PDB file of N, CA and C in Angstrom:
ATOM      1  N   UNK A   1      35.976  70.869 109.831  1.00  0.00           N
ATOM      2  CA  UNK A   1      36.753  70.527 108.642  1.00  0.00           C
ATOM      3  C   UNK A   1      35.900  70.763 107.397  1.00  0.00           C
ATOM      4  N   UNK A   2      36.434  71.553 106.480  1.00  0.00           N
ATOM      5  CA  UNK A   2      35.721  71.857 105.242  1.00  0.00           C
ATOM      6  C   UNK A   2      35.790  70.661 104.293  1.00  0.00           C
ATOM      7  N   UNK A   3      34.637  70.309 103.759  1.00  0.00           N
ATOM      8  CA  UNK A   3      34.590  69.243 102.768  1.00  0.00           C
ATOM      9  C   UNK A   3      33.638  69.604 101.650  1.00  0.00           C
ATOM     10  N   UNK A   4      34.054  69.326 100.422  1.00  0.00           N
ATOM     11  CA  UNK A   4      33.201  69.374  99.247  1.00  0.00           C
ATOM     12  C   UNK A   4      33.392  68.033  98.546  1.00  0.00           C
ATOM     13  N   UNK A   5      32.318  67.285  98.422  1.00  0.00           N
ATOM     14  CA  UNK A   5      32.404  65.937  97.873  1.00  0.00           C
ATOM     15  C   UNK A   5      31.510  65.838  96.653  1.00  0.00           C
ATOM     16  N   UNK A   6      32.127  65.684  95.482  1.00  0.00           N
ATOM     17  CA  UNK A   6      31.376  65.523  94.245  1.00  0.00           C
ATOM     18  C   UNK A   6      30.993  64.062  94.064  1.00  0.00           C
ATOM     19  N   UNK A   7      29.872  63.854  93.418  1.00  0.00           N
ATOM     20  CA  UNK A   7      29.428  62.512  93.078  1.00  0.00           C
ATOM     21  C   UNK A   7      28.543  62.594  91.847  1.00  0.00           C
ATOM     22  N   UNK A   8      28.254  61.428  91.258  1.00  0.00           N
ATOM     23  CA  UNK A   8      27.357  61.378  90.114  1.00  0.00           C
ATOM     24  C   UNK A   8      28.053  61.230  88.771  1.00  0.00           C
ATOM     25  N   UNK A   9      29.368  61.246  88.772  1.00  0.00           N
ATOM     26  CA  UNK A   9      30.075  61.049  87.520  1.00  0.00           C
ATOM     27  C   UNK A   9      30.008  59.606  87.063  1.00  0.00           C
ATOM     28  N   UNK A  10      30.511  59.357  85.861  1.00  0.00           N
ATOM     29  CA  UNK A  10      30.508  58.008  85.338  1.00  0.00           C
ATOM     30  C   UNK A  10      30.673  57.998  83.842  1.00  0.00           C
ATOM     31  N   UNK A  11      30.375  56.841  83.271  1.00  0.00           N
ATOM     32  CA  UNK A  11      30.454  56.643  81.821  1.00  0.00           C
ATOM     33  C   UNK A  11      29.056  56.754  81.232  1.00  0.00           C
ATOM     34  N   UNK A  12      28.930  57.567  80.203  1.00  0.00           N
ATOM     35  CA  UNK A  12      27.626  57.755  79.565  1.00  0.00           C
ATOM     36  C   UNK A  12      27.828  57.856  78.051  1.00  0.00           C
ATOM     37  N   UNK A  13      26.844  57.423  77.305  1.00  0.00           N
ATOM     38  CA  UNK A  13      26.923  57.505  75.848  1.00  0.00           C
ATOM     39  C   UNK A  13      26.637  58.928  75.374  1.00  0.00           C
ATOM     40  N   UNK A  14      27.157  59.287  74.212  1.00  0.00           N
ATOM     41  CA  UNK A  14      26.822  60.606  73.652  1.00  0.00           C
ATOM     42  C   UNK A  14      25.312  60.791  73.566  1.00  0.00           C
ATOM     43  N   UNK A  15      24.870  61.993  73.938  1.00  0.00           N
ATOM     44  CA  UNK A  15      23.445  62.273  73.977  1.00  0.00           C
ATOM     45  C   UNK A  15      22.795  61.985  75.313  1.00  0.00           C
ATOM     46  N   UNK A  16      23.524  61.324  76.190  1.00  0.00           N
ATOM     47  CA  UNK A  16      22.982  60.967  77.493  1.00  0.00           C
ATOM     48  C   UNK A  16      23.063  62.094  78.504  1.00  0.00           C
ATOM     49  N   UNK A  17      22.645  61.786  79.728  1.00  0.00           N
ATOM     50  CA  UNK A  17      22.589  62.778  80.800  1.00  0.00           C
ATOM     51  C   UNK A  17      23.248  62.242  82.070  1.00  0.00           C
ATOM     52  N   UNK A  18      23.745  63.164  82.853  1.00  0.00           N
ATOM     53  CA  UNK A  18      24.249  62.884  84.186  1.00  0.00           C
ATOM     54  C   UNK A  18      23.901  64.062  85.085  1.00  0.00           C
ATOM     55  N   UNK A  19      23.753  63.784  86.368  1.00  0.00           N
ATOM     56  CA  UNK A  19      23.557  64.846  87.351  1.00  0.00           C
ATOM     57  C   UNK A  19      24.653  64.746  88.398  1.00  0.00           C
ATOM     58  N   UNK A  20      25.477  65.744  88.453  1.00  0.00           N
ATOM     59  CA  UNK A  20      26.534  65.788  89.450  1.00  0.00           C
ATOM     60  C   UNK A  20      26.021  66.485  90.707  1.00  0.00           C
ATOM     61  N   UNK A  21      26.500  66.027  91.844  1.00  0.00           N
ATOM     62  CA  UNK A  21      26.192  66.658  93.120  1.00  0.00           C
ATOM     63  C   UNK A  21      27.481  67.064  93.813  1.00  0.00           C
ATOM     64  N   UNK A  22      27.388  68.117  94.602  1.00  0.00           N
ATOM     65  CA  UNK A  22      28.513  68.585  95.402  1.00  0.00           C
ATOM     66  C   UNK A  22      27.999  68.800  96.824  1.00  0.00           C
ATOM     67  N   UNK A  23      28.251  67.823  97.682  1.00  0.00           N
ATOM     68  CA  UNK A  23      27.804  67.900  99.064  1.00  0.00           C
ATOM     69  C   UNK A  23      28.869  68.587  99.901  1.00  0.00           C
ATOM     70  N   UNK A  24      28.459  69.614 100.650  1.00  0.00           N
ATOM     71  CA  UNK A  24      29.435  70.406 101.396  1.00  0.00           C
ATOM     72  C   UNK A  24      29.184  70.326 102.896  1.00  0.00           C
ATOM     73  N   UNK A  25      30.239  70.604 103.651  1.00  0.00           N
ATOM     74  CA  UNK A  25      30.150  70.686 105.101  1.00  0.00           C
ATOM     75  C   UNK A  25      31.337  71.479 105.624  1.00  0.00           C
ATOM     76  N   UNK A  26      31.206  71.972 106.847  1.00  0.00           N
ATOM     77  CA  UNK A  26      32.316  72.667 107.481  1.00  0.00           C
ATOM     78  C   UNK A  26      32.369  74.158 107.232  1.00  0.00           C
ATOM     79  N   UNK A  27      31.431  74.692 106.458  1.00  0.00           N
ATOM     80  CA  UNK A  27      31.358  76.136 106.245  1.00  0.00           C
ATOM     81  C   UNK A  27      29.901  76.481 105.924  1.00  0.00           C
ATOM     82  N   UNK A  28      29.591  77.758 105.919  1.00  0.00           N
ATOM     83  CA  UNK A  28      28.211  78.206 105.707  1.00  0.00           C
ATOM     84  C   UNK A  28      27.932  78.304 104.222  1.00  0.00           C
ATOM     85  N   UNK A  29      27.494  77.215 103.656  1.00  0.00           N
ATOM     86  CA  UNK A  29      27.329  77.081 102.207  1.00  0.00           C
ATOM     87  C   UNK A  29      26.472  78.195 101.619  1.00  0.00           C
ATOM     88  N   UNK A  30      25.414  78.588 102.291  1.00  0.00           N
ATOM     89  CA  UNK A  30      24.453  79.520 101.715  1.00  0.00           C
ATOM     90  C   UNK A  30      25.041  80.917 101.497  1.00  0.00           C
ATOM     91  N   UNK A  31      26.205  81.196 102.075  1.00  0.00           N
ATOM     92  CA  UNK A  31      26.846  82.498 101.888  1.00  0.00           C
ATOM     93  C   UNK A  31      27.812  82.511 100.703  1.00  0.00           C
ATOM     94  N   UNK A  32      28.053  81.349 100.129  1.00  0.00           N
ATOM     95  CA  UNK A  32      29.098  81.194  99.124  1.00  0.00           C
ATOM     96  C   UNK A  32      28.516  81.055  97.723  1.00  0.00           C
ATOM     97  N   UNK A  33      29.130  81.724  96.760  1.00  0.00           N
ATOM     98  CA  UNK A  33      28.868  81.417  95.364  1.00  0.00           C
ATOM     99  C   UNK A  33      29.462  80.037  95.071  1.00  0.00           C
ATOM    100  N   UNK A  34      28.868  79.343  94.128  1.00  0.00           N
ATOM    101  CA  UNK A  34      29.342  78.016  93.790  1.00  0.00           C
ATOM    102  C   UNK A  34      29.569  77.910  92.296  1.00  0.00           C
ATOM    103  N   UNK A  35      30.619  77.197  91.932  1.00  0.00           N
ATOM    104  CA  UNK A  35      30.945  77.011  90.523  1.00  0.00           C
ATOM    105  C   UNK A  35      31.295  75.559  90.261  1.00  0.00           C
ATOM    106  N   UNK A  36      31.137  75.190  89.019  1.00  0.00           N
ATOM    107  CA  UNK A  36      31.630  73.903  88.520  1.00  0.00           C
ATOM    108  C   UNK A  36      32.715  74.198  87.483  1.00  0.00           C
ATOM    109  N   UNK A  37      33.810  73.481  87.595  1.00  0.00           N
ATOM    110  CA  UNK A  37      34.911  73.542  86.648  1.00  0.00           C
ATOM    111  C   UNK A  37      35.123  72.139  86.083  1.00  0.00           C
ATOM    112  N   UNK A  38      35.856  72.065  85.009  1.00  0.00           N
ATOM    113  CA  UNK A  38      36.257  70.765  84.480  1.00  0.00           C
ATOM    114  C   UNK A  38      37.669  70.850  83.906  1.00  0.00           C
ATOM    115  N   UNK A  39      38.311  69.705  83.902  1.00  0.00           N
ATOM    116  CA  UNK A  39      39.661  69.623  83.355  1.00  0.00           C
ATOM    117  C   UNK A  39      39.796  68.331  82.577  1.00  0.00           C
ATOM    118  N   UNK A  40      40.024  68.478  81.288  1.00  0.00           N
ATOM    119  CA  UNK A  40      40.249  67.334  80.417  1.00  0.00           C
ATOM    120  C   UNK A  40      41.741  67.032  80.375  1.00  0.00           C
ATOM    121  N   UNK A  41      42.096  65.797  80.019  1.00  0.00           N
ATOM    122  CA  UNK A  41      43.522  65.425  79.962  1.00  0.00           C
ATOM    123  C   UNK A  41      44.301  66.356  79.041  1.00  0.00           C
ATOM    124  N   UNK A  42      45.421  66.880  79.542  1.00  0.00           N
ATOM    125  CA  UNK A  42      46.274  67.743  78.735  1.00  0.00           C
ATOM    126  C   UNK A  42      45.771  69.152  78.550  1.00  0.00           C
ATOM    127  N   UNK A  43      44.667  69.496  79.221  1.00  0.00           N
ATOM    128  CA  UNK A  43      44.086  70.836  79.075  1.00  0.00           C
ATOM    129  C   UNK A  43      44.032  71.536  80.426  1.00  0.00           C
ATOM    130  N   UNK A  44      43.868  72.858  80.363  1.00  0.00           N
ATOM    131  CA  UNK A  44      43.727  73.621  81.590  1.00  0.00           C
ATOM    132  C   UNK A  44      42.317  73.469  82.159  1.00  0.00           C
ATOM    133  N   UNK A  45      42.228  73.686  83.459  1.00  0.00           N
ATOM    134  CA  UNK A  45      40.914  73.660  84.091  1.00  0.00           C
ATOM    135  C   UNK A  45      40.105  74.852  83.591  1.00  0.00           C
ATOM    136  N   UNK A  46      38.838  74.597  83.258  1.00  0.00           N
ATOM    137  CA  UNK A  46      37.987  75.657  82.729  1.00  0.00           C
ATOM    138  C   UNK A  46      36.688  75.770  83.509  1.00  0.00           C
ATOM    139  N   UNK A  47      36.184  76.995  83.563  1.00  0.00           N
ATOM    140  CA  UNK A  47      34.922  77.255  84.245  1.00  0.00           C
ATOM    141  C   UNK A  47      33.763  76.774  83.393  1.00  0.00           C
ATOM    142  N   UNK A  48      32.867  76.030  83.997  1.00  0.00           N
ATOM    143  CA  UNK A  48      31.694  75.504  83.310  1.00  0.00           C
ATOM    144  C   UNK A  48      30.449  76.336  83.635  1.00  0.00           C
ATOM    145  N   UNK A  49      30.211  76.564  84.923  1.00  0.00           N
ATOM    146  CA  UNK A  49      28.998  77.286  85.331  1.00  0.00           C
ATOM    147  C   UNK A  49      29.177  77.843  86.734  1.00  0.00           C
ATOM    148  N   UNK A  50      28.442  78.919  87.012  1.00  0.00           N
ATOM    149  CA  UNK A  50      28.486  79.560  88.324  1.00  0.00           C
ATOM    150  C   UNK A  50      27.077  79.902  88.761  1.00  0.00           C
ATOM    151  N   UNK A  51      26.845  79.808  90.066  1.00  0.00           N
ATOM    152  CA  UNK A  51      25.556  80.209  90.629  1.00  0.00           C
ATOM    153  C   UNK A  51      25.824  81.058  91.861  1.00  0.00           C
ATOM    154  N   UNK A  52      25.035  82.107  92.037  1.00  0.00           N
ATOM    155  CA  UNK A  52      25.218  82.985  93.189  1.00  0.00           C
ATOM    156  C   UNK A  52      24.763  82.294  94.479  1.00  0.00           C
ATOM    157  N   UNK A  53      25.078  82.920  95.592  1.00  0.00           N
ATOM    158  CA  UNK A  53      24.805  82.291  96.885  1.00  0.00           C
ATOM    159  C   UNK A  53      23.318  82.006  97.094  1.00  0.00           C
ATOM    160  N   UNK A  54      22.462  82.897  96.581  1.00  0.00           N
ATOM    161  CA  UNK A  54      21.026  82.697  96.743  1.00  0.00           C
ATOM    162  C   UNK A  54      20.420  81.852  95.640  1.00  0.00           C
ATOM    163  N   UNK A  55      21.174  81.618  94.595  1.00  0.00           N
ATOM    164  CA  UNK A  55      20.643  80.898  93.449  1.00  0.00           C
ATOM    165  C   UNK A  55      19.949  81.781  92.436  1.00  0.00           C
ATOM    166  N   UNK A  56      19.944  83.081  92.684  1.00  0.00           N
ATOM    167  CA  UNK A  56      19.209  83.989  91.815  1.00  0.00           C
ATOM    168  C   UNK A  56      19.890  84.221  90.482  1.00  0.00           C
ATOM    169  N   UNK A  57      21.198  84.049  90.445  1.00  0.00           N
ATOM    170  CA  UNK A  57      21.938  84.310  89.223  1.00  0.00           C
ATOM    171  C   UNK A  57      22.789  83.139  88.806  1.00  0.00           C
ATOM    172  N   UNK A  58      22.834  82.873  87.504  1.00  0.00           N
ATOM    173  CA  UNK A  58      23.662  81.797  86.977  1.00  0.00           C
ATOM    174  C   UNK A  58      24.401  82.287  85.738  1.00  0.00           C
ATOM    175  N   UNK A  59      25.495  81.605  85.437  1.00  0.00           N
ATOM    176  CA  UNK A  59      26.270  81.931  84.247  1.00  0.00           C
ATOM    177  C   UNK A  59      26.902  80.649  83.731  1.00  0.00           C
ATOM    178  N   UNK A  60      27.048  80.561  82.402  1.00  0.00           N
ATOM    179  CA  UNK A  60      27.529  79.332  81.791  1.00  0.00           C
ATOM    180  C   UNK A  60      28.597  79.622  80.734  1.00  0.00           C
ATOM    181  N   UNK A  61      29.488  78.675  80.576  1.00  0.00           N
ATOM    182  CA  UNK A  61      30.403  78.719  79.439  1.00  0.00           C
ATOM    183  C   UNK A  61      29.597  78.513  78.166  1.00  0.00           C
ATOM    184  N   UNK A  62      30.039  79.146  77.090  1.00  0.00           N
ATOM    185  CA  UNK A  62      29.299  79.026  75.828  1.00  0.00           C
ATOM    186  C   UNK A  62      29.165  77.573  75.391  1.00  0.00           C
ATOM    187  N   UNK A  63      30.182  76.778  75.692  1.00  0.00           N
ATOM    188  CA  UNK A  63      30.196  75.391  75.233  1.00  0.00           C
ATOM    189  C   UNK A  63      29.118  74.526  75.882  1.00  0.00           C
ATOM    190  N   UNK A  64      28.540  74.970  76.988  1.00  0.00           N
ATOM    191  CA  UNK A  64      27.537  74.151  77.689  1.00  0.00           C
ATOM    192  C   UNK A  64      26.169  74.819  77.769  1.00  0.00           C
ATOM    193  N   UNK A  65      26.056  76.048  77.288  1.00  0.00           N
ATOM    194  CA  UNK A  65      24.773  76.756  77.355  1.00  0.00           C
ATOM    195  C   UNK A  65      23.683  75.977  76.655  1.00  0.00           C
ATOM    196  N   UNK A  66      22.545  75.878  77.309  1.00  0.00           N
ATOM    197  CA  UNK A  66      21.420  75.159  76.743  1.00  0.00           C
ATOM    198  C   UNK A  66      21.452  73.659  77.000  1.00  0.00           C
ATOM    199  N   UNK A  67      22.580  73.148  77.502  1.00  0.00           N
ATOM    200  CA  UNK A  67      22.688  71.710  77.789  1.00  0.00           C
ATOM    201  C   UNK A  67      22.868  71.426  79.277  1.00  0.00           C
ATOM    202  N   UNK A  68      23.562  72.301  79.972  1.00  0.00           N
ATOM    203  CA  UNK A  68      23.852  72.120  81.400  1.00  0.00           C
ATOM    204  C   UNK A  68      23.039  73.111  82.224  1.00  0.00           C
ATOM    205  N   UNK A  69      22.667  72.679  83.417  1.00  0.00           N
ATOM    206  CA  UNK A  69      21.955  73.553  84.346  1.00  0.00           C
ATOM    207  C   UNK A  69      22.584  73.435  85.733  1.00  0.00           C
ATOM    208  N   UNK A  70      22.996  74.559  86.287  1.00  0.00           N
ATOM    209  CA  UNK A  70      23.547  74.582  87.636  1.00  0.00           C
ATOM    210  C   UNK A  70      22.439  74.979  88.601  1.00  0.00           C
ATOM    211  N   UNK A  71      22.424  74.356  89.774  1.00  0.00           N
ATOM    212  CA  UNK A  71      21.421  74.676  90.787  1.00  0.00           C
ATOM    213  C   UNK A  71      22.004  74.385  92.169  1.00  0.00           C
ATOM    214  N   UNK A  72      21.238  74.735  93.182  1.00  0.00           N
ATOM    215  CA  UNK A  72      21.706  74.487  94.544  1.00  0.00           C
ATOM    216  C   UNK A  72      20.520  74.360  95.479  1.00  0.00           C
ATOM    217  N   UNK A  73      20.737  73.651  96.576  1.00  0.00           N
ATOM    218  CA  UNK A  73      19.743  73.528  97.634  1.00  0.00           C
ATOM    219  C   UNK A  73      20.455  73.924  98.924  1.00  0.00           C
ATOM    220  N   UNK A  74      20.261  75.165  99.342  1.00  0.00           N
ATOM    221  CA  UNK A  74      20.980  75.643 100.518  1.00  0.00           C
ATOM    222  C   UNK A  74      20.546  74.940 101.800  1.00  0.00           C
ATOM    223  N   UNK A  75      19.337  74.425 101.820  1.00  0.00           N
ATOM    224  CA  UNK A  75      18.891  73.675 102.996  1.00  0.00           C
ATOM    225  C   UNK A  75      19.655  72.366 103.147  1.00  0.00           C
ATOM    226  N   UNK A  76      20.130  71.836 102.026  1.00  0.00           N
ATOM    227  CA  UNK A  76      20.885  70.578 102.035  1.00  0.00           C
ATOM    228  C   UNK A  76      22.379  70.798 101.895  1.00  0.00           C
ATOM    229  N   UNK A  77      22.807  72.074 101.806  1.00  0.00           N
ATOM    230  CA  UNK A  77      24.230  72.393 101.629  1.00  0.00           C
ATOM    231  C   UNK A  77      24.835  71.677 100.422  1.00  0.00           C
ATOM    232  N   UNK A  78      24.074  71.621  99.357  1.00  0.00           N
ATOM    233  CA  UNK A  78      24.475  70.833  98.188  1.00  0.00           C
ATOM    234  C   UNK A  78      24.244  71.622  96.906  1.00  0.00           C
ATOM    235  N   UNK A  79      25.203  71.496  95.989  1.00  0.00           N
ATOM    236  CA  UNK A  79      25.050  72.061  94.661  1.00  0.00           C
ATOM    237  C   UNK A  79      24.943  70.963  93.629  1.00  0.00           C
ATOM    238  N   UNK A  80      24.422  71.334  92.462  1.00  0.00           N
ATOM    239  CA  UNK A  80      24.167  70.338  91.427  1.00  0.00           C
ATOM    240  C   UNK A  80      24.576  70.869  90.057  1.00  0.00           C
ATOM    241  N   UNK A  81      24.869  69.925  89.163  1.00  0.00           N
ATOM    242  CA  UNK A  81      25.074  70.258  87.764  1.00  0.00           C
ATOM    243  C   UNK A  81      24.362  69.190  86.949  1.00  0.00           C
ATOM    244  N   UNK A  82      23.257  69.576  86.334  1.00  0.00           N
ATOM    245  CA  UNK A  82      22.524  68.687  85.443  1.00  0.00           C
ATOM    246  C   UNK A  82      23.116  68.825  84.053  1.00  0.00           C
ATOM    247  N   UNK A  83      23.558  67.715  83.493  1.00  0.00           N
ATOM    248  CA  UNK A  83      24.218  67.724  82.191  1.00  0.00           C
ATOM    249  C   UNK A  83      23.419  66.875  81.217  1.00  0.00           C
ATOM    250  N   UNK A  84      22.891  67.500  80.191  1.00  0.00           N
ATOM    251  CA  UNK A  84      22.110  66.813  79.166  1.00  0.00           C
ATOM    252  C   UNK A  84      22.807  66.899  77.824  1.00  0.00           C
ATOM    253  N   UNK A  85      22.377  66.066  76.896  1.00  0.00           N
ATOM    254  CA  UNK A  85      22.946  66.078  75.538  1.00  0.00           C
ATOM    255  C   UNK A  85      24.466  66.046  75.575  1.00  0.00           C
ATOM    256  N   UNK A  86      24.995  65.149  76.354  1.00  0.00           N
ATOM    257  CA  UNK A  86      26.443  65.098  76.552  1.00  0.00           C
ATOM    258  C   UNK A  86      27.166  64.724  75.270  1.00  0.00           C
ATOM    259  N   UNK A  87      28.352  65.306  75.123  1.00  0.00           N
ATOM    260  CA  UNK A  87      29.181  65.087  73.958  1.00  0.00           C
ATOM    261  C   UNK A  87      30.531  64.514  74.398  1.00  0.00           C
ATOM    262  N   UNK A  88      31.233  63.842  73.507  1.00  0.00           N
ATOM    263  CA  UNK A  88      32.563  63.326  73.876  1.00  0.00           C
ATOM    264  C   UNK A  88      33.499  64.410  74.400  1.00  0.00           C
ATOM    265  N   UNK A  89      33.351  65.612  73.899  1.00  0.00           N
ATOM    266  CA  UNK A  89      34.231  66.698  74.363  1.00  0.00           C
ATOM    267  C   UNK A  89      33.884  67.189  75.763  1.00  0.00           C
ATOM    268  N   UNK A  90      32.824  66.684  76.345  1.00  0.00           N
ATOM    269  CA  UNK A  90      32.516  66.990  77.746  1.00  0.00           C
ATOM    270  C   UNK A  90      33.292  66.093  78.704  1.00  0.00           C
ATOM    271  N   UNK A  91      33.990  65.108  78.168  1.00  0.00           N
ATOM    272  CA  UNK A  91      34.778  64.208  79.002  1.00  0.00           C
ATOM    273  C   UNK A  91      35.840  64.981  79.772  1.00  0.00           C
ATOM    274  N   UNK A  92      35.828  64.838  81.090  1.00  0.00           N
ATOM    275  CA  UNK A  92      36.754  65.585  81.953  1.00  0.00           C
ATOM    276  C   UNK A  92      36.518  65.170  83.401  1.00  0.00           C
ATOM    277  N   UNK A  93      37.411  65.620  84.258  1.00  0.00           N
ATOM    278  CA  UNK A  93      37.150  65.571  85.692  1.00  0.00           C
ATOM    279  C   UNK A  93      36.437  66.877  86.064  1.00  0.00           C
ATOM    280  N   UNK A  94      35.313  66.745  86.746  1.00  0.00           N
ATOM    281  CA  UNK A  94      34.490  67.901  87.111  1.00  0.00           C
ATOM    282  C   UNK A  94      34.695  68.198  88.598  1.00  0.00           C
ATOM    283  N   UNK A  95      34.925  69.481  88.880  1.00  0.00           N
ATOM    284  CA  UNK A  95      35.184  69.937  90.237  1.00  0.00           C
ATOM    285  C   UNK A  95      34.164  70.994  90.643  1.00  0.00           C
ATOM    286  N   UNK A  96      33.764  70.979  91.894  1.00  0.00           N
ATOM    287  CA  UNK A  96      32.968  72.090  92.404  1.00  0.00           C
ATOM    288  C   UNK A  96      33.848  72.987  93.256  1.00  0.00           C
ATOM    289  N   UNK A  97      33.484  74.258  93.293  1.00  0.00           N
ATOM    290  CA  UNK A  97      34.238  75.265  94.029  1.00  0.00           C
ATOM    291  C   UNK A  97      33.271  76.187  94.728  1.00  0.00           C
ATOM    292  N   UNK A  98      33.572  76.521  95.968  1.00  0.00           N
ATOM    293  CA  UNK A  98      32.788  77.489  96.728  1.00  0.00           C
ATOM    294  C   UNK A  98      33.659  78.710  96.989  1.00  0.00           C
ATOM    295  N   UNK A  99      33.076  79.886  96.760  1.00  0.00           N
ATOM    296  CA  UNK A  99      33.861  81.119  96.835  1.00  0.00           C
ATOM    297  C   UNK A  99      33.131  82.179  97.643  1.00  0.00           C
ATOM    298  N   UNK A 100      33.842  82.774  98.570  1.00  0.00           N
ATOM    299  CA  UNK A 100      33.404  84.002  99.232  1.00  0.00           C
ATOM    300  C   UNK A 100      34.681  84.692  99.664  1.00  0.00           C
ATOM    301  N   UNK A 101      34.913  84.799 100.944  1.00  0.00           N
ATOM    302  CA  UNK A 101      36.195  85.336 101.383  1.00  0.00           C
ATOM    303  C   UNK A 101      37.287  84.279 101.314  1.00  0.00           C
ATOM    304  N   UNK A 102      36.882  83.027 101.212  1.00  0.00           N
ATOM    305  CA  UNK A 102      37.810  81.919 101.028  1.00  0.00           C
ATOM    306  C   UNK A 102      37.338  81.097  99.842  1.00  0.00           C
ATOM    307  N   UNK A 103      38.240  80.268  99.346  1.00  0.00           N
ATOM    308  CA  UNK A 103      37.932  79.405  98.212  1.00  0.00           C
ATOM    309  C   UNK A 103      38.147  77.959  98.619  1.00  0.00           C
ATOM    310  N   UNK A 104      37.125  77.147  98.358  1.00  0.00           N
ATOM    311  CA  UNK A 104      37.198  75.726  98.681  1.00  0.00           C
ATOM    312  C   UNK A 104      36.920  74.921  97.423  1.00  0.00           C
ATOM    313  N   UNK A 105      37.675  73.832  97.255  1.00  0.00           N
ATOM    314  CA  UNK A 105      37.534  72.950  96.102  1.00  0.00           C
ATOM    315  C   UNK A 105      37.193  71.534  96.553  1.00  0.00           C
ATOM    316  N   UNK A 106      36.440  70.864  95.694  1.00  0.00           N
ATOM    317  CA  UNK A 106      36.232  69.439  95.876  1.00  0.00           C
ATOM    318  C   UNK A 106      37.351  68.651  95.221  1.00  0.00           C
ATOM    319  N   UNK A 107      37.260  67.316  95.332  1.00  0.00           N
ATOM    320  CA  UNK A 107      38.324  66.457  94.832  1.00  0.00           C
ATOM    321  C   UNK A 107      38.095  66.040  93.375  1.00  0.00           C
ATOM    322  N   UNK A 108      36.901  66.267  92.871  1.00  0.00           N
ATOM    323  CA  UNK A 108      36.603  65.964  91.478  1.00  0.00           C
ATOM    324  C   UNK A 108      35.905  64.632  91.271  1.00  0.00           C
ATOM    325  N   UNK A 109      35.156  64.567  90.175  1.00  0.00           N
ATOM    326  CA  UNK A 109      34.494  63.331  89.769  1.00  0.00           C
ATOM    327  C   UNK A 109      34.657  63.186  88.258  1.00  0.00           C
ATOM    328  N   UNK A 110      34.964  61.986  87.820  1.00  0.00           N
ATOM    329  CA  UNK A 110      35.237  61.738  86.402  1.00  0.00           C
ATOM    330  C   UNK A 110      33.940  61.581  85.619  1.00  0.00           C
ATOM    331  N   UNK A 111      33.866  62.283  84.504  1.00  0.00           N
ATOM    332  CA  UNK A 111      32.767  62.121  83.547  1.00  0.00           C
ATOM    333  C   UNK A 111      33.385  61.712  82.216  1.00  0.00           C
ATOM    334  N   UNK A 112      32.921  60.580  81.707  1.00  0.00           N
ATOM    335  CA  UNK A 112      33.411  60.081  80.428  1.00  0.00           C
ATOM    336  C   UNK A 112      32.230  59.887  79.495  1.00  0.00           C
ATOM    337  N   UNK A 113      32.298  60.532  78.347  1.00  0.00           N
ATOM    338  CA  UNK A 113      31.232  60.434  77.352  1.00  0.00           C
ATOM    339  C   UNK A 113      31.799  59.680  76.148  1.00  0.00           C
ATOM    340  N   UNK A 114      31.313  58.481  75.964  1.00  0.00           N
ATOM    341  CA  UNK A 114      31.870  57.631  74.912  1.00  0.00           C
ATOM    342  C   UNK A 114      30.868  56.552  74.543  1.00  0.00           C
ATOM    343  N   UNK A 115      30.903  56.158  73.277  1.00  0.00           N
ATOM    344  CA  UNK A 115      30.062  55.045  72.828  1.00  0.00           C
ATOM    345  C   UNK A 115      30.844  53.739  72.888  1.00  0.00           C
TER     346      UNK A 115
END
């Protein structure tokens, strides 16, 4: 059974940091590219960051460049999103996605940035 389980979300003040994790099972994680998406209330889901299967390549949305870092540990079948200098507009449900010949999604974790 394929599972992607996000964790690490929560409430944080502007300027703060959070580290999201995406623990996977049921498929060969190291063969899959991984991405983080987010969806704010009333908005479409948007791509935040992507990392290649080996971790050699990364890409970021302009809105998070320089603040967010995507990474992965293939030995642990887990991906990460380090989020620094958080802003209220980063508030959203964050989802991880694994892509190769199939696409798998996690259930999401809420991130709220507010004072």
